Amino acid sequence: MDIVARALEFKPVGRAARTLADWVDLQYSLLLQQIIRAAPRARGRLLDVGCGDKPYQSIFRPHVSEYVGIEHEEVFASTHASAAEHRPDLYYDGNRLPFADKSFDTVLSIQVLEHTPRPQALLDEISRVLRPDGLLILSAPFSARLHEEPYDYFRYTPHGLRSLCENAGLVVTEIWEQGNIWSVIGHKLNSYLAFRAAGSQGMAVRMGKLKHEGKGLAAGGRPWLLPLVVPAMVAVAGSARVLDRFAPDPTEVLSFMLFARPR
């Protein structure tokens, strides 16, 4: 894997590899499409709950007056590299968000709720800090591999998300599906090829992916399998996108993104 690592250090190669890796990563690429589509709905003062190293800040920043990122201090310290490119603005203990009532026009929560041991309490806090005309943009997985262990607790149906929001005094106005059955199958197959067959976790970290899992990933791998694995992953990702469009089954999806407002 040392040869691959050295090749990735050459910027044009690294950029091309990252672009291809993002495209075959169906979960990431489809989620990113939704985030870009949702960003113009944000406005005013935005709070990113569970912001990590703020990967979506550049997408939302043109639409809001302020972007504030907050993280659970213990979880962030154990799942993110200490040299994270963009660090949270604030940390909290996982109980009460350190803001006054009705402080934000937009609250963003992307793939965070599954890592929250008390999701209802978090939704209650989000509702508390939202202004009366504010908007919650939340994405949560329905089908996903175990990740950020041991801080991986739940998966969500749209009905469960709607119930949590209603209990927090929020009205869900819209829910988007992220992919469907072929994306689910394709993503799981590509994850197996990348991580189990080629053992490319360390390479993914070098490309800037899986940064939230970097502390627990081995540096080894099987680079001699990449000439077989990479074309197979490209074929799987392309086929999944086509089949999602022409033979959909929306009861099997990767994630759901919802929009909710205070009641």
Protein backbone atom coordinates (compact mmCIF):
# COMPACT_ATOMS: atom_id res chain seq x y z
CA MET A 1 0.00 0.00 0.00
CA ASP A 2 3.06 2.30 0.27
CA ILE A 3 3.17 2.66 -3.52
CA VAL A 4 -0.51 3.68 -3.57
CA ALA A 5 0.05 6.11 -0.70
CA ARG A 6 2.91 7.79 -2.54
CA ALA A 7 0.80 8.04 -5.71
CA LEU A 8 -2.01 9.70 -3.77
CA GLU A 9 0.39 12.35 -2.53
CA PHE A 10 0.67 13.60 -6.14
CA LYS A 11 -2.19 16.13 -6.15
CA PRO A 12 -3.73 15.40 -9.58
CA VAL A 13 -3.78 11.68 -8.77
CA GLY A 14 -5.18 12.32 -5.31
CA ARG A 15 -7.94 14.57 -6.64
CA ALA A 16 -8.92 12.09 -9.34
CA ALA A 17 -8.93 9.21 -6.86
CA ARG A 18 -11.09 11.17 -4.41
CA THR A 19 -13.57 12.13 -7.15
CA LEU A 20 -13.91 8.50 -8.23
CA ALA A 21 -14.16 7.30 -4.62
CA ASP A 22 -16.95 9.78 -3.92
CA TRP A 23 -18.87 8.69 -7.03
CA VAL A 24 -18.75 4.97 -6.23
CA ASP A 25 -19.68 5.75 -2.59
CA LEU A 26 -23.42 5.78 -3.25
CA GLN A 27 -24.36 6.76 0.27
CA TYR A 28 -22.09 9.80 0.25
CA SER A 29 -22.79 10.96 -3.31
CA LEU A 30 -26.58 10.66 -3.07
CA LEU A 31 -26.60 12.37 0.32
CA LEU A 32 -24.42 15.19 -1.02
CA GLN A 33 -26.86 15.72 -3.89
CA GLN A 34 -29.68 16.12 -1.39
CA ILE A 35 -27.66 18.51 0.77
CA ILE A 36 -26.88 20.74 -2.22
CA ARG A 37 -30.56 20.69 -3.18
CA ALA A 38 -31.64 21.52 0.39
CA ALA A 39 -29.10 24.27 1.10
CA PRO A 40 -31.06 27.19 -0.47
CA ARG A 41 -33.84 26.60 2.07
CA ALA A 42 -31.49 27.57 4.91
CA ARG A 43 -31.36 31.17 6.07
CA GLY A 44 -30.29 33.45 8.90
CA ARG A 45 -28.33 32.00 11.78
CA LEU A 46 -27.60 28.27 11.28
CA LEU A 47 -26.64 25.70 13.91
CA ASP A 48 -24.99 22.49 12.68
CA VAL A 49 -25.61 19.88 15.39
CA GLY A 50 -22.97 17.14 15.28
CA CYS A 51 -20.96 19.14 12.75
CA GLY A 52 -17.80 17.01 12.82
CA ASP A 53 -15.19 18.93 10.85
CA LYS A 54 -17.90 20.96 9.08
CA PRO A 55 -17.87 19.19 5.68
CA TYR A 56 -21.03 21.01 4.53
CA GLN A 57 -20.16 24.53 5.68
CA SER A 58 -19.13 25.71 2.21
CA ILE A 59 -22.46 24.52 0.79
CA PHE A 60 -24.67 26.32 3.32
CA ARG A 61 -22.55 29.40 4.04
CA PRO A 62 -23.73 31.41 0.98
CA HIS A 63 -27.34 31.08 2.17
CA VAL A 64 -26.98 32.00 5.86
CA SER A 65 -25.69 34.94 7.89
CA GLU A 66 -23.85 32.79 10.44
CA TYR A 67 -22.75 29.15 10.58
CA VAL A 68 -22.22 27.68 14.06
CA GLY A 69 -20.99 24.10 14.51
CA ILE A 70 -21.37 22.16 17.74
CA GLU A 71 -20.20 18.68 18.74
CA HIS A 72 -20.44 16.26 21.63
CA GLU A 73 -16.97 16.68 23.10
CA GLU A 74 -16.34 13.06 24.16
CA VAL A 75 -17.57 11.53 20.91
CA PHE A 76 -15.68 14.00 18.73
CA ALA A 77 -12.43 13.40 20.61
CA SER A 78 -12.66 9.63 20.16
CA THR A 79 -13.87 9.44 16.54
CA HIS A 80 -12.12 12.36 14.80
CA ALA A 81 -8.46 12.92 14.20
CA SER A 82 -6.96 15.62 16.39
CA ALA A 83 -5.81 17.47 13.27
CA ALA A 84 -9.30 17.90 11.83
CA GLU A 85 -9.28 20.57 9.12
CA HIS A 86 -12.28 22.45 10.51
CA ARG A 87 -13.05 22.09 14.18
CA PRO A 88 -16.41 22.73 15.89
CA ASP A 89 -17.06 26.21 17.23
CA LEU A 90 -18.45 24.79 20.47
CA TYR A 91 -18.61 21.51 22.39
CA TYR A 92 -21.35 20.30 24.71
CA ASP A 93 -21.96 17.39 27.03
CA GLY A 94 -24.80 15.78 25.07
CA ASN A 95 -27.54 17.12 27.32
CA ARG A 96 -28.54 20.78 26.95
CA LEU A 97 -27.44 22.81 23.94
CA PRO A 98 -25.63 25.91 25.30
CA PHE A 99 -27.93 28.43 23.62
CA ALA A 100 -30.91 30.51 24.64
CA ASP A 101 -34.41 29.59 23.48
CA LYS A 102 -35.27 30.57 19.89
CA SER A 103 -31.66 31.36 18.93
CA PHE A 104 -31.45 29.97 15.39
CA ASP A 105 -33.30 30.33 12.10
CA THR A 106 -32.01 27.01 10.76
CA VAL A 107 -30.80 23.85 12.48
CA LEU A 108 -28.88 21.28 10.45
CA SER A 109 -28.31 17.67 11.55
CA ILE A 110 -26.75 15.34 8.98
CA GLN A 111 -26.33 11.65 9.82
CA VAL A 112 -26.08 12.38 13.55
CA LEU A 113 -29.26 11.01 15.08
CA GLU A 114 -28.07 7.39 14.85
CA HIS A 115 -25.14 8.31 17.11
CA THR A 116 -27.37 9.84 19.78
CA PRO A 117 -28.31 7.53 22.66
CA ARG A 118 -31.29 9.78 23.53
CA PRO A 119 -32.65 11.00 20.19
CA GLN A 120 -35.87 12.42 21.63
CA ALA A 121 -33.91 14.61 24.05
CA LEU A 122 -31.82 15.96 21.17
CA LEU A 123 -34.91 16.73 19.08
CA ASP A 124 -36.43 18.49 22.09
CA GLU A 125 -33.32 20.67 22.36
CA ILE A 126 -33.32 21.42 18.65
CA SER A 127 -36.96 22.47 18.89
CA ARG A 128 -36.14 24.70 21.84
CA VAL A 129 -33.40 26.67 20.03
CA LEU A 130 -35.36 27.04 16.77
CA ARG A 131 -37.13 30.33 16.19
CA PRO A 132 -40.91 30.16 15.58
CA ASP A 133 -40.44 30.49 11.82
CA GLY A 134 -37.26 28.39 11.80
CA LEU A 135 -36.44 25.24 9.84
CA LEU A 136 -34.90 21.91 10.79
CA ILE A 137 -33.03 20.02 8.04
CA LEU A 138 -32.26 16.51 9.28
CA SER A 139 -30.90 13.40 7.61
CA ALA A 140 -30.79 9.99 9.28
CA PRO A 141 -29.96 6.51 7.94
CA PHE A 142 -32.40 3.70 7.33
CA SER A 143 -29.80 1.21 6.05
CA ALA A 144 -26.14 1.65 6.91
CA ARG A 145 -23.17 -0.43 8.05
CA LEU A 146 -21.92 -0.16 11.60
CA HIS A 147 -19.72 2.91 11.90
CA GLU A 148 -18.17 5.19 14.52
CA GLU A 149 -18.45 2.30 16.95
CA PRO A 150 -19.41 2.10 19.75
CA TYR A 151 -21.37 5.32 19.14
CA ASP A 152 -23.79 3.77 16.65
CA TYR A 153 -27.21 3.17 18.20
CA PHE A 154 -30.20 3.42 15.82
CA ARG A 155 -31.63 3.34 12.30
CA TYR A 156 -34.79 5.27 11.38
CA THR A 157 -37.98 4.89 9.37
CA PRO A 158 -39.81 8.02 8.18
CA HIS A 159 -42.59 7.22 10.64
CA GLY A 160 -40.17 7.06 13.54
CA LEU A 161 -38.59 10.38 12.54
CA ARG A 162 -42.01 11.99 12.21
CA SER A 163 -43.00 10.71 15.67
CA LEU A 164 -39.82 12.06 17.27
CA CYS A 165 -40.39 15.44 15.67
CA GLU A 166 -44.04 15.59 16.67
CA ASN A 167 -43.13 14.79 20.27
CA ALA A 168 -40.65 17.69 20.17
CA GLY A 169 -43.28 20.13 18.91
CA LEU A 170 -42.08 20.08 15.30
CA VAL A 171 -44.22 19.57 12.21
CA VAL A 172 -42.59 17.60 9.39
CA THR A 173 -43.37 19.35 6.10
CA GLU A 174 -41.47 17.10 3.70
CA ILE A 175 -39.40 13.89 3.62
CA TRP A 176 -36.96 12.92 0.88
CA GLU A 177 -35.78 9.38 0.19
CA GLN A 178 -32.10 8.84 -0.52
CA GLY A 179 -31.90 6.20 -3.24
CA ASN A 180 -33.81 2.93 -3.01
CA ILE A 181 -33.22 -0.80 -3.14
CA TRP A 182 -30.52 -0.80 -5.83
CA SER A 183 -28.56 1.92 -4.06
CA VAL A 184 -28.78 -0.11 -0.86
CA ILE A 185 -27.54 -3.27 -2.57
CA GLY A 186 -24.89 -1.39 -4.52
CA HIS A 187 -23.59 0.49 -1.50
CA LYS A 188 -23.32 -2.66 0.61
CA LEU A 189 -21.58 -4.54 -2.20
CA ASN A 190 -19.13 -1.70 -2.85
CA SER A 191 -18.42 -1.38 0.87
CA TYR A 192 -17.57 -5.08 0.94
CA LEU A 193 -15.33 -4.81 -2.12
CA ALA A 194 -13.53 -1.73 -0.79
CA PHE A 195 -13.12 -2.67 2.85
CA ARG A 196 -13.19 -6.47 2.99
CA ALA A 197 -11.77 -7.48 -0.37
CA ALA A 198 -9.24 -4.70 -1.03
CA GLY A 199 -8.80 -3.61 2.57
CA SER A 200 -8.66 0.00 1.39
CA GLN A 201 -9.72 1.74 4.62
CA GLY A 202 -6.27 3.24 5.10
CA MET A 203 -6.23 4.51 1.53
CA ALA A 204 -9.69 6.05 2.03
CA VAL A 205 -8.41 7.96 5.06
CA ARG A 206 -5.45 9.27 3.04
CA MET A 207 -7.92 10.58 0.44
CA GLY A 208 -9.84 12.44 3.15
CA LYS A 209 -12.69 9.94 3.50
CA LEU A 210 -13.69 8.08 6.68
CA LYS A 211 -11.97 10.78 8.74
CA HIS A 212 -14.45 10.18 11.55
CA GLU A 213 -13.26 6.56 11.70
CA GLY A 214 -9.59 7.12 11.03
CA LYS A 215 -8.38 6.25 14.51
CA GLY A 216 -9.60 2.67 14.25
CA LEU A 217 -8.62 1.78 10.68
CA ALA A 218 -5.68 -0.38 9.74
CA ALA A 219 -3.02 1.05 7.45
CA GLY A 220 -2.56 -2.19 5.47
CA GLY A 221 -4.48 -3.48 2.49
CA ARG A 222 -4.33 -5.50 -0.73
CA PRO A 223 -3.35 -3.01 -3.45
CA TRP A 224 -2.85 -5.81 -5.99
CA LEU A 225 -6.64 -6.32 -5.99
CA LEU A 226 -7.41 -2.70 -6.91
CA PRO A 227 -7.24 -3.32 -10.71
CA LEU A 228 -10.08 -5.81 -10.25
CA VAL A 229 -11.99 -4.13 -7.44
CA VAL A 230 -12.13 -0.56 -8.81
CA PRO A 231 -13.77 -1.44 -12.18
CA ALA A 232 -16.22 -3.70 -10.36
CA MET A 233 -17.17 -0.87 -7.98
CA VAL A 234 -17.65 1.55 -10.87
CA ALA A 235 -19.93 -0.97 -12.61
CA VAL A 236 -21.93 -1.55 -9.43
CA ALA A 237 -22.38 2.20 -8.74
CA GLY A 238 -23.42 2.92 -12.33
CA SER A 239 -25.84 -0.01 -12.47
CA ALA A 240 -27.41 0.97 -9.14
CA ARG A 241 -28.09 4.50 -10.36
CA VAL A 242 -29.77 3.22 -13.53
CA LEU A 243 -31.86 0.59 -11.74
CA ASP A 244 -32.91 3.09 -9.04
CA ARG A 245 -34.48 5.14 -11.81
CA PHE A 246 -36.12 2.42 -13.87
CA ALA A 247 -36.95 -0.29 -11.30
CA PRO A 248 -37.44 1.54 -7.98
CA ASP A 249 -38.56 0.14 -4.67
CA PRO A 250 -38.85 3.09 -2.26
CA THR A 251 -39.44 0.81 0.75
CA GLU A 252 -35.69 0.11 0.73
CA VAL A 253 -33.60 3.29 0.99
CA LEU A 254 -30.26 4.40 2.38
CA SER A 255 -31.43 7.44 4.37
CA PHE A 256 -34.24 9.93 4.81
CA MET A 257 -33.96 13.71 4.84
CA LEU A 258 -36.75 15.64 6.49
CA PHE A 259 -37.74 19.28 6.84
CA ALA A 260 -39.63 20.37 9.94
CA ARG A 261 -40.85 23.61 11.50
CA PRO A 262 -41.99 24.53 15.02
CA ARG A 263 -45.68 23.91 15.59
